Amino acid sequence: METRQERGRRRAGNHVTRISVVVPVKNDARELDLCLLAITGQTISALEIIVVDNDSSDDSALVARRHGAIVIPERKRGIWAAAATGFDHASGDVIARCDADSRPDDDWLERIAIELDAHPEAVAITGPGRFYELGPVRRVLADIFYMRAYFVLAHGALAHRPLFGSNFAIRTDVWRDVSARVHRDDPDVHDDFDLSYHLDPCSTVLVDRRLQVGISSRPFSGAASMLVRTRRAMHTVAVHGVGEHPIHRWRRRLVRSVRP
C-alpha cells in the first residue's frame, strides 16, 4: 500500500520542484513545534526547512533542531529581517513561507509544486489563511472582512495579486532579483506587502483558495493590534513613494499588455 508521501510524489509528478520552507520565529516555541509537525508531515517532503531565530529567549531553536530544521540566527529586530535572511539561505528552486503559528494543510507543498510547475509564467503562488482559533461565524466574517479585503485592496494598489505572508511561495530566482531592494531592515513595513511591491506590476501571482494554511487569530486580539497593522500597511505604501502609486503601476501594466 502506497504511503501518503508516495501518493503525493505521484500526484506532483516525477520531477518535483525542490522547495525550501522558511519559518521566522521569535519566542514561539510551542506554536513552532505544531507548525513543524505539519511541515514534516507533508505529502511531499521539503528540500530543507529553515527556521530563522529572531533573537528568541525561549526554546524555539531547540524545537526547530529537534524537527531536523536548519536554524539560522538573526538578531535584527523584525519579521522581515528574519524572513529575508531565511530566503537568502534557501537552496531550493522555490521558497515557501509561513509563520511559526501557521498550520499548513498536508498537501500544501504538493499543491505549490503542482501549480508552479503548471504555470511557468507565475513568479509566485499564495493562498488565504484559515483562522483556526475562531468559531464558525467569526471565521466566516474574518475571511470576508480581513482576508478577502486584503486581497482585493492590495491588488488594487499593486496591479497584481498580493502575497499573503503566512501562506505563499516564490521562485528563488525572483527573490534573488529583488532581495537587495526590499526594505528588510525596516521593522515597520509589512514584509509580504513590501515584497509584493518589489514584483513587477506585470507579474503573474497565482492565488489558489485551495492552498490552505491555518493561522492564528492574533490580528483580532484587540483594537491596538489592528491599529498597528493598519499603520504598517500605510507605512509600506509610503516608503515606495509616488513612483509606485497605484495609478503608475496600473499604467505600466496596461501599457505593456497592449504592446505587440
C-alpha atoms as a PDB file:
ATOM      1  CA  MET A   1       0.000   0.000   0.000  1.00  0.00           C
ATOM      2  CA  GLU A   2       1.484   3.368  -1.012  1.00  0.00           C
ATOM      3  CA  THR A   3       2.274   5.895   1.679  1.00  0.00           C
ATOM      4  CA  ARG A   4       0.936   9.479   1.759  1.00  0.00           C
ATOM      5  CA  GLN A   5       4.366  10.705   0.617  1.00  0.00           C
ATOM      6  CA  GLU A   6       4.442   8.229  -2.295  1.00  0.00           C
ATOM      7  CA  ARG A   7       0.923   9.270  -3.287  1.00  0.00           C
ATOM      8  CA  GLY A   8       1.927  12.940  -3.102  1.00  0.00           C
ATOM      9  CA  ARG A   9       5.000  12.400  -5.269  1.00  0.00           C
ATOM     10  CA  ARG A  10       2.888  10.531  -7.831  1.00  0.00           C
ATOM     11  CA  ARG A  11       0.326  13.356  -7.990  1.00  0.00           C
ATOM     12  CA  ALA A  12       3.054  16.001  -8.225  1.00  0.00           C
ATOM     13  CA  GLY A  13       4.881  14.084 -10.974  1.00  0.00           C
ATOM     14  CA  ASN A  14       8.327  12.588 -11.149  1.00  0.00           C
ATOM     15  CA  HIS A  15      10.162  15.910 -11.380  1.00  0.00           C
ATOM     16  CA  VAL A  16       9.025  17.600  -8.200  1.00  0.00           C
ATOM     17  CA  THR A  17      10.160  21.193  -7.726  1.00  0.00           C
ATOM     18  CA  ARG A  18      12.692  21.449  -4.900  1.00  0.00           C
ATOM     19  CA  ILE A  19      11.080  23.556  -2.186  1.00  0.00           C
ATOM     20  CA  SER A  20      12.819  25.267   0.723  1.00  0.00           C
ATOM     21  CA  VAL A  21      10.492  26.193   3.582  1.00  0.00           C
ATOM     22  CA  VAL A  22      11.318  29.309   5.628  1.00  0.00           C
ATOM     23  CA  VAL A  23       9.760  29.954   9.037  1.00  0.00           C
ATOM     24  CA  PRO A  24      10.779  33.057  11.041  1.00  0.00           C
ATOM     25  CA  VAL A  25      10.251  32.727  14.789  1.00  0.00           C
ATOM     26  CA  LYS A  26      10.601  34.803  17.943  1.00  0.00           C
ATOM     27  CA  ASN A  27       9.709  33.256  21.309  1.00  0.00           C
ATOM     28  CA  ASP A  28       7.061  30.955  19.862  1.00  0.00           C
ATOM     29  CA  ALA A  29       8.428  27.502  20.676  1.00  0.00           C
ATOM     30  CA  ARG A  30       5.094  25.804  21.359  1.00  0.00           C
ATOM     31  CA  GLU A  31       3.455  27.084  18.175  1.00  0.00           C
ATOM     32  CA  LEU A  32       6.603  26.333  16.172  1.00  0.00           C
ATOM     33  CA  ASP A  33       6.509  22.712  17.336  1.00  0.00           C
ATOM     34  CA  LEU A  34       2.996  22.282  15.901  1.00  0.00           C
ATOM     35  CA  CYS A  35       3.927  24.129  12.708  1.00  0.00           C
ATOM     36  CA  LEU A  36       6.947  21.900  12.079  1.00  0.00           C
ATOM     37  CA  LEU A  37       4.886  18.778  12.757  1.00  0.00           C
ATOM     38  CA  ALA A  38       2.602  19.922   9.924  1.00  0.00           C
ATOM     39  CA  ILE A  39       5.515  20.686   7.597  1.00  0.00           C
ATOM     40  CA  THR A  40       7.317  17.389   8.205  1.00  0.00           C
ATOM     41  CA  GLY A  41       4.023  15.548   7.647  1.00  0.00           C
ATOM     42  CA  GLN A  42       3.502  16.884   4.100  1.00  0.00           C
ATOM     43  CA  THR A  43       2.568  14.580   1.230  1.00  0.00           C
ATOM     44  CA  ILE A  44       5.837  15.617  -0.442  1.00  0.00           C
ATOM     45  CA  SER A  45       8.936  16.479   1.539  1.00  0.00           C
ATOM     46  CA  ALA A  46      10.634  19.857   1.591  1.00  0.00           C
ATOM     47  CA  LEU A  47      14.201  20.011   0.359  1.00  0.00           C
ATOM     48  CA  GLU A  48      15.015  21.819   3.602  1.00  0.00           C
ATOM     49  CA  ILE A  49      13.259  23.580   6.457  1.00  0.00           C
ATOM     50  CA  ILE A  50      14.938  26.808   7.524  1.00  0.00           C
ATOM     51  CA  VAL A  51      13.909  28.312  10.849  1.00  0.00           C
ATOM     52  CA  VAL A  52      15.229  31.824  11.419  1.00  0.00           C
ATOM     53  CA  ASP A  53      15.547  32.563  15.125  1.00  0.00           C
ATOM     54  CA  ASN A  54      14.891  36.286  15.604  1.00  0.00           C
ATOM     55  CA  ASP A  55      16.785  36.569  18.902  1.00  0.00           C
ATOM     56  CA  SER A  56      14.422  34.307  20.867  1.00  0.00           C
ATOM     57  CA  SER A  57      14.867  33.781  24.587  1.00  0.00           C
ATOM     58  CA  ASP A  58      12.822  30.571  24.715  1.00  0.00           C
ATOM     59  CA  ASP A  59      13.439  27.070  23.278  1.00  0.00           C
ATOM     60  CA  SER A  60      12.473  27.916  19.689  1.00  0.00           C
ATOM     61  CA  ALA A  61      15.896  26.963  18.272  1.00  0.00           C
ATOM     62  CA  LEU A  62      15.931  23.687  20.232  1.00  0.00           C
ATOM     63  CA  VAL A  63      12.448  22.810  18.963  1.00  0.00           C
ATOM     64  CA  ALA A  64      13.483  23.554  15.386  1.00  0.00           C
ATOM     65  CA  ARG A  65      16.570  21.343  15.573  1.00  0.00           C
ATOM     66  CA  ARG A  66      14.514  18.537  17.080  1.00  0.00           C
ATOM     67  CA  HIS A  67      12.439  18.537  13.879  1.00  0.00           C
ATOM     68  CA  GLY A  68      15.556  18.459  11.703  1.00  0.00           C
ATOM     69  CA  ALA A  69      15.345  22.102  10.650  1.00  0.00           C
ATOM     70  CA  ILE A  70      18.307  24.296   9.806  1.00  0.00           C
ATOM     71  CA  VAL A  71      18.465  27.090  12.390  1.00  0.00           C
ATOM     72  CA  ILE A  72      19.826  30.485  11.353  1.00  0.00           C
ATOM     73  CA  PRO A  73      20.112  33.299  13.904  1.00  0.00           C
ATOM     74  CA  GLU A  74      19.062  36.833  13.002  1.00  0.00           C
ATOM     75  CA  ARG A  75      19.488  39.483  15.692  1.00  0.00           C
ATOM     76  CA  LYS A  76      17.981  42.390  13.733  1.00  0.00           C
ATOM     77  CA  ARG A  77      14.505  43.064  15.073  1.00  0.00           C
ATOM     78  CA  GLY A  78      11.577  42.347  12.809  1.00  0.00           C
ATOM     79  CA  ILE A  79       9.856  39.569  10.928  1.00  0.00           C
ATOM     80  CA  TRP A  80      11.065  40.934   7.579  1.00  0.00           C
ATOM     81  CA  ALA A  81      14.715  40.854   8.633  1.00  0.00           C
ATOM     82  CA  ALA A  82      14.273  37.253   9.797  1.00  0.00           C
ATOM     83  CA  ALA A  83      12.312  36.060   6.759  1.00  0.00           C
ATOM     84  CA  ALA A  84      14.700  37.712   4.287  1.00  0.00           C
ATOM     85  CA  THR A  85      17.675  36.057   5.976  1.00  0.00           C
ATOM     86  CA  GLY A  86      15.974  32.704   5.554  1.00  0.00           C
ATOM     87  CA  PHE A  87      15.228  33.420   1.890  1.00  0.00           C
ATOM     88  CA  ASP A  88      18.889  34.325   1.335  1.00  0.00           C
ATOM     89  CA  HIS A  89      19.982  30.918   2.658  1.00  0.00           C
ATOM     90  CA  ALA A  90      17.438  28.864   0.699  1.00  0.00           C
ATOM     91  CA  SER A  91      18.884  26.464  -1.878  1.00  0.00           C
ATOM     92  CA  GLY A  92      15.669  25.154  -3.450  1.00  0.00           C
ATOM     93  CA  ASP A  93      14.051  26.213  -6.714  1.00  0.00           C
ATOM     94  CA  VAL A  94      11.126  27.669  -4.768  1.00  0.00           C
ATOM     95  CA  ILE A  95      10.897  29.273  -1.312  1.00  0.00           C
ATOM     96  CA  ALA A  96       7.728  28.568   0.669  1.00  0.00           C
ATOM     97  CA  ARG A  97       6.989  30.817   3.634  1.00  0.00           C
ATOM     98  CA  CYS A  98       4.720  30.504   6.625  1.00  0.00           C
ATOM     99  CA  ASP A  99       4.714  31.724  10.220  1.00  0.00           C
ATOM    100  CA  ALA A 100       5.586  29.848  13.390  1.00  0.00           C
ATOM    101  CA  ASP A 101       1.904  29.753  14.352  1.00  0.00           C
ATOM    102  CA  SER A 102       0.803  28.521  10.903  1.00  0.00           C
ATOM    103  CA  ARG A 103      -0.769  25.094  10.327  1.00  0.00           C
ATOM    104  CA  PRO A 104      -0.311  24.148   6.658  1.00  0.00           C
ATOM    105  CA  ASP A 105      -2.643  21.520   5.222  1.00  0.00           C
ATOM    106  CA  ASP A 106      -0.824  18.277   4.491  1.00  0.00           C
ATOM    107  CA  ASP A 107      -0.883  18.867   0.711  1.00  0.00           C
ATOM    108  CA  TRP A 108       0.477  22.438   0.986  1.00  0.00           C
ATOM    109  CA  LEU A 109       3.857  21.750  -0.612  1.00  0.00           C
ATOM    110  CA  GLU A 110       2.346  19.329  -3.122  1.00  0.00           C
ATOM    111  CA  ARG A 111      -0.093  21.965  -4.363  1.00  0.00           C
ATOM    112  CA  ILE A 112       2.667  24.589  -4.587  1.00  0.00           C
ATOM    113  CA  ALA A 113       4.794  22.225  -6.694  1.00  0.00           C
ATOM    114  CA  ILE A 114       1.926  21.224  -8.991  1.00  0.00           C
ATOM    115  CA  GLU A 115       0.653  24.761  -9.605  1.00  0.00           C
ATOM    116  CA  LEU A 116       4.037  26.390 -10.199  1.00  0.00           C
ATOM    117  CA  ASP A 117       5.018  23.533 -12.494  1.00  0.00           C
ATOM    118  CA  ALA A 118       1.781  24.009 -14.458  1.00  0.00           C
ATOM    119  CA  HIS A 119       2.220  27.800 -14.671  1.00  0.00           C
ATOM    120  CA  PRO A 120       5.849  28.577 -15.563  1.00  0.00           C
ATOM    121  CA  GLU A 121       4.886  32.222 -16.173  1.00  0.00           C
ATOM    122  CA  ALA A 122       3.962  32.660 -12.500  1.00  0.00           C
ATOM    123  CA  VAL A 123       6.553  34.218 -10.201  1.00  0.00           C
ATOM    124  CA  ALA A 124       4.773  33.126  -7.017  1.00  0.00           C
ATOM    125  CA  ILE A 125       1.707  31.456  -5.568  1.00  0.00           C
ATOM    126  CA  THR A 126      -0.287  32.397  -2.493  1.00  0.00           C
ATOM    127  CA  GLY A 127      -3.448  31.408  -0.695  1.00  0.00           C
ATOM    128  CA  PRO A 128      -5.606  32.536   2.210  1.00  0.00           C
ATOM    129  CA  GLY A 129      -5.294  31.864   5.900  1.00  0.00           C
ATOM    130  CA  ARG A 130      -7.923  29.967   7.875  1.00  0.00           C
ATOM    131  CA  PHE A 131      -8.379  31.234  11.440  1.00  0.00           C
ATOM    132  CA  TYR A 132      -8.262  28.029  13.464  1.00  0.00           C
ATOM    133  CA  GLU A 133      -8.975  29.704  16.818  1.00  0.00           C
ATOM    134  CA  LEU A 134     -12.272  31.311  15.770  1.00  0.00           C
ATOM    135  CA  GLY A 135     -15.727  29.788  15.793  1.00  0.00           C
ATOM    136  CA  PRO A 136     -17.632  29.176  12.530  1.00  0.00           C
ATOM    137  CA  VAL A 137     -19.421  32.536  12.373  1.00  0.00           C
ATOM    138  CA  ARG A 138     -16.420  34.663  13.343  1.00  0.00           C
ATOM    139  CA  ARG A 139     -14.253  32.656  10.939  1.00  0.00           C
ATOM    140  CA  VAL A 140     -16.565  33.495   8.031  1.00  0.00           C
ATOM    141  CA  LEU A 141     -16.628  37.174   8.980  1.00  0.00           C
ATOM    142  CA  ALA A 142     -12.836  37.255   9.332  1.00  0.00           C
ATOM    143  CA  ASP A 143     -12.463  35.657   5.924  1.00  0.00           C
ATOM    144  CA  ILE A 144     -14.719  38.253   4.289  1.00  0.00           C
ATOM    145  CA  PHE A 145     -13.671  41.441   6.069  1.00  0.00           C
ATOM    146  CA  TYR A 146      -9.991  40.686   6.692  1.00  0.00           C
ATOM    147  CA  MET A 147      -8.674  38.032   4.326  1.00  0.00           C
ATOM    148  CA  ARG A 148     -10.660  38.764   1.170  1.00  0.00           C
ATOM    149  CA  ALA A 149     -10.487  42.507   1.819  1.00  0.00           C
ATOM    150  CA  TYR A 150      -6.677  42.290   1.922  1.00  0.00           C
ATOM    151  CA  PHE A 151      -6.504  40.521  -1.432  1.00  0.00           C
ATOM    152  CA  VAL A 152      -8.892  42.986  -3.095  1.00  0.00           C
ATOM    153  CA  LEU A 153      -7.388  46.202  -1.691  1.00  0.00           C
ATOM    154  CA  ALA A 154      -3.766  45.134  -2.139  1.00  0.00           C
ATOM    155  CA  HIS A 155      -4.485  44.007  -5.697  1.00  0.00           C
ATOM    156  CA  GLY A 156      -5.797  47.485  -6.394  1.00  0.00           C
ATOM    157  CA  ALA A 157      -2.620  49.042  -5.030  1.00  0.00           C
ATOM    158  CA  LEU A 158      -0.156  46.691  -6.735  1.00  0.00           C
ATOM    159  CA  ALA A 159      -1.760  45.951 -10.142  1.00  0.00           C
ATOM    160  CA  HIS A 160      -1.091  42.258  -9.497  1.00  0.00           C
ATOM    161  CA  ARG A 161      -2.262  39.832  -6.835  1.00  0.00           C
ATOM    162  CA  PRO A 162      -0.545  40.314  -3.447  1.00  0.00           C
ATOM    163  CA  LEU A 163       1.377  37.726  -1.454  1.00  0.00           C
ATOM    164  CA  PHE A 164      -0.079  36.731   1.897  1.00  0.00           C
ATOM    165  CA  GLY A 165       2.789  36.341   4.350  1.00  0.00           C
ATOM    166  CA  SER A 166       1.584  33.258   6.210  1.00  0.00           C
ATOM    167  CA  ASN A 167       0.968  31.300   3.021  1.00  0.00           C
ATOM    168  CA  PHE A 168       2.996  31.869  -0.123  1.00  0.00           C
ATOM    169  CA  ALA A 169       5.826  30.520  -2.238  1.00  0.00           C
ATOM    170  CA  ILE A 170       8.110  32.467  -4.573  1.00  0.00           C
ATOM    171  CA  ARG A 171      10.588  31.263  -7.151  1.00  0.00           C
ATOM    172  CA  THR A 172      14.109  31.565  -5.773  1.00  0.00           C
ATOM    173  CA  ASP A 173      15.457  33.369  -8.845  1.00  0.00           C
ATOM    174  CA  VAL A 174      12.720  36.000  -8.460  1.00  0.00           C
ATOM    175  CA  TRP A 175      13.718  36.519  -4.831  1.00  0.00           C
ATOM    176  CA  ARG A 176      17.355  36.954  -5.818  1.00  0.00           C
ATOM    177  CA  ASP A 177      16.352  39.619  -8.343  1.00  0.00           C
ATOM    178  CA  VAL A 178      14.622  41.759  -5.684  1.00  0.00           C
ATOM    179  CA  SER A 179      16.432  40.823  -2.464  1.00  0.00           C
ATOM    180  CA  ALA A 180      18.777  43.819  -2.478  1.00  0.00           C
ATOM    181  CA  ARG A 181      15.883  46.261  -2.874  1.00  0.00           C
ATOM    182  CA  VAL A 182      13.386  45.110  -0.261  1.00  0.00           C
ATOM    183  CA  HIS A 183      13.059  47.075   2.996  1.00  0.00           C
ATOM    184  CA  ARG A 184      14.240  44.200   5.171  1.00  0.00           C
ATOM    185  CA  ASP A 185      15.788  46.473   7.803  1.00  0.00           C
ATOM    186  CA  ASP A 186      12.594  48.462   8.402  1.00  0.00           C
ATOM    187  CA  PRO A 187      10.616  46.704  11.171  1.00  0.00           C
ATOM    188  CA  ASP A 188       7.563  48.867  10.459  1.00  0.00           C
ATOM    189  CA  VAL A 189       6.798  47.566   6.968  1.00  0.00           C
ATOM    190  CA  HIS A 190       4.594  44.577   6.219  1.00  0.00           C
ATOM    191  CA  ASP A 191       7.043  42.037   4.820  1.00  0.00           C
ATOM    192  CA  ASP A 192       4.588  40.382   2.420  1.00  0.00           C
ATOM    193  CA  PHE A 193       3.214  43.705   1.147  1.00  0.00           C
ATOM    194  CA  ASP A 194       6.738  45.084   0.689  1.00  0.00           C
ATOM    195  CA  LEU A 195       7.865  42.009  -1.250  1.00  0.00           C
ATOM    196  CA  SER A 196       4.724  42.263  -3.384  1.00  0.00           C
ATOM    197  CA  TYR A 197       5.597  45.875  -4.217  1.00  0.00           C
ATOM    198  CA  HIS A 198       9.006  44.788  -5.486  1.00  0.00           C
ATOM    199  CA  LEU A 199       7.447  42.419  -8.007  1.00  0.00           C
ATOM    200  CA  ASP A 200       6.881  43.949 -11.425  1.00  0.00           C
ATOM    201  CA  PRO A 201       3.303  45.209 -11.951  1.00  0.00           C
ATOM    202  CA  CYS A 202       3.014  42.796 -14.886  1.00  0.00           C
ATOM    203  CA  SER A 203       3.948  39.813 -12.726  1.00  0.00           C
ATOM    204  CA  THR A 204       1.688  36.792 -12.537  1.00  0.00           C
ATOM    205  CA  VAL A 205       0.981  35.797  -8.942  1.00  0.00           C
ATOM    206  CA  LEU A 206      -1.306  32.799  -8.593  1.00  0.00           C
ATOM    207  CA  VAL A 207      -3.991  32.928  -5.913  1.00  0.00           C
ATOM    208  CA  ASP A 208      -5.290  29.478  -5.045  1.00  0.00           C
ATOM    209  CA  ARG A 209      -8.011  29.324  -2.396  1.00  0.00           C
ATOM    210  CA  ARG A 210      -7.395  25.589  -2.130  1.00  0.00           C
ATOM    211  CA  LEU A 211      -3.884  26.349  -0.879  1.00  0.00           C
ATOM    212  CA  GLN A 212      -4.844  26.404   2.790  1.00  0.00           C
ATOM    213  CA  VAL A 213      -2.899  27.304   5.918  1.00  0.00           C
ATOM    214  CA  GLY A 214      -4.382  27.579   9.369  1.00  0.00           C
ATOM    215  CA  ILE A 215      -3.362  30.833  11.049  1.00  0.00           C
ATOM    216  CA  SER A 216      -3.663  32.421  14.473  1.00  0.00           C
ATOM    217  CA  SER A 217      -6.342  34.967  15.269  1.00  0.00           C
ATOM    218  CA  ARG A 218      -3.754  37.322  16.789  1.00  0.00           C
ATOM    219  CA  PRO A 219      -4.773  40.133  14.383  1.00  0.00           C
ATOM    220  CA  PHE A 220      -8.073  40.261  16.280  1.00  0.00           C
ATOM    221  CA  SER A 221      -6.529  40.357  19.755  1.00  0.00           C
ATOM    222  CA  GLY A 222      -7.662  43.954  20.180  1.00  0.00           C
ATOM    223  CA  ALA A 223      -8.026  47.380  18.626  1.00  0.00           C
ATOM    224  CA  ALA A 224      -4.339  48.129  19.251  1.00  0.00           C
ATOM    225  CA  SER A 225      -3.283  45.136  17.171  1.00  0.00           C
ATOM    226  CA  MET A 226      -5.446  46.190  14.235  1.00  0.00           C
ATOM    227  CA  LEU A 227      -4.195  49.775  14.541  1.00  0.00           C
ATOM    228  CA  VAL A 228      -0.564  48.613  14.360  1.00  0.00           C
ATOM    229  CA  ARG A 229      -1.307  46.522  11.253  1.00  0.00           C
ATOM    230  CA  THR A 230      -3.113  49.404   9.573  1.00  0.00           C
ATOM    231  CA  ARG A 231      -0.276  51.808  10.382  1.00  0.00           C
ATOM    232  CA  ARG A 232       2.270  49.352   8.961  1.00  0.00           C
ATOM    233  CA  ALA A 233       0.256  48.958   5.764  1.00  0.00           C
ATOM    234  CA  MET A 234       0.182  52.737   5.293  1.00  0.00           C
ATOM    235  CA  HIS A 235       3.900  52.973   6.054  1.00  0.00           C
ATOM    236  CA  THR A 236       4.646  50.260   3.498  1.00  0.00           C
ATOM    237  CA  VAL A 237       2.770  52.194   0.831  1.00  0.00           C
ATOM    238  CA  ALA A 238       4.570  55.416   1.824  1.00  0.00           C
ATOM    239  CA  VAL A 239       8.119  54.024   1.637  1.00  0.00           C
ATOM    240  CA  HIS A 240       7.568  53.070  -2.004  1.00  0.00           C
ATOM    241  CA  GLY A 241       6.934  56.680  -2.942  1.00  0.00           C
ATOM    242  CA  VAL A 242       4.993  58.411  -5.680  1.00  0.00           C
ATOM    243  CA  GLY A 243       6.594  56.316  -8.435  1.00  0.00           C
ATOM    244  CA  GLU A 244       4.823  53.201  -7.139  1.00  0.00           C
ATOM    245  CA  HIS A 245       1.422  54.877  -6.775  1.00  0.00           C
ATOM    246  CA  PRO A 246      -1.365  52.542  -7.963  1.00  0.00           C
ATOM    247  CA  ILE A 247      -2.058  54.782 -10.975  1.00  0.00           C
ATOM    248  CA  HIS A 248       1.535  54.419 -12.177  1.00  0.00           C
ATOM    249  CA  ARG A 249       1.658  50.677 -11.544  1.00  0.00           C
ATOM    250  CA  TRP A 250      -1.618  50.051 -13.384  1.00  0.00           C
ATOM    251  CA  ARG A 251      -0.479  52.289 -16.249  1.00  0.00           C
ATOM    252  CA  ARG A 252       2.746  50.296 -16.625  1.00  0.00           C
ATOM    253  CA  ARG A 253       0.787  47.073 -16.636  1.00  0.00           C
ATOM    254  CA  LEU A 254      -1.738  48.288 -19.200  1.00  0.00           C
ATOM    255  CA  VAL A 255       0.922  49.778 -21.495  1.00  0.00           C
ATOM    256  CA  ARG A 256       2.852  46.537 -21.606  1.00  0.00           C
ATOM    257  CA  SER A 257      -0.279  44.473 -22.109  1.00  0.00           C
ATOM    258  CA  VAL A 258      -1.135  46.308 -25.368  1.00  0.00           C
ATOM    259  CA  ARG A 259       2.361  46.281 -26.840  1.00  0.00           C
ATOM    260  CA  PRO A 260       2.692  43.889 -29.804  1.00  0.00           C
END
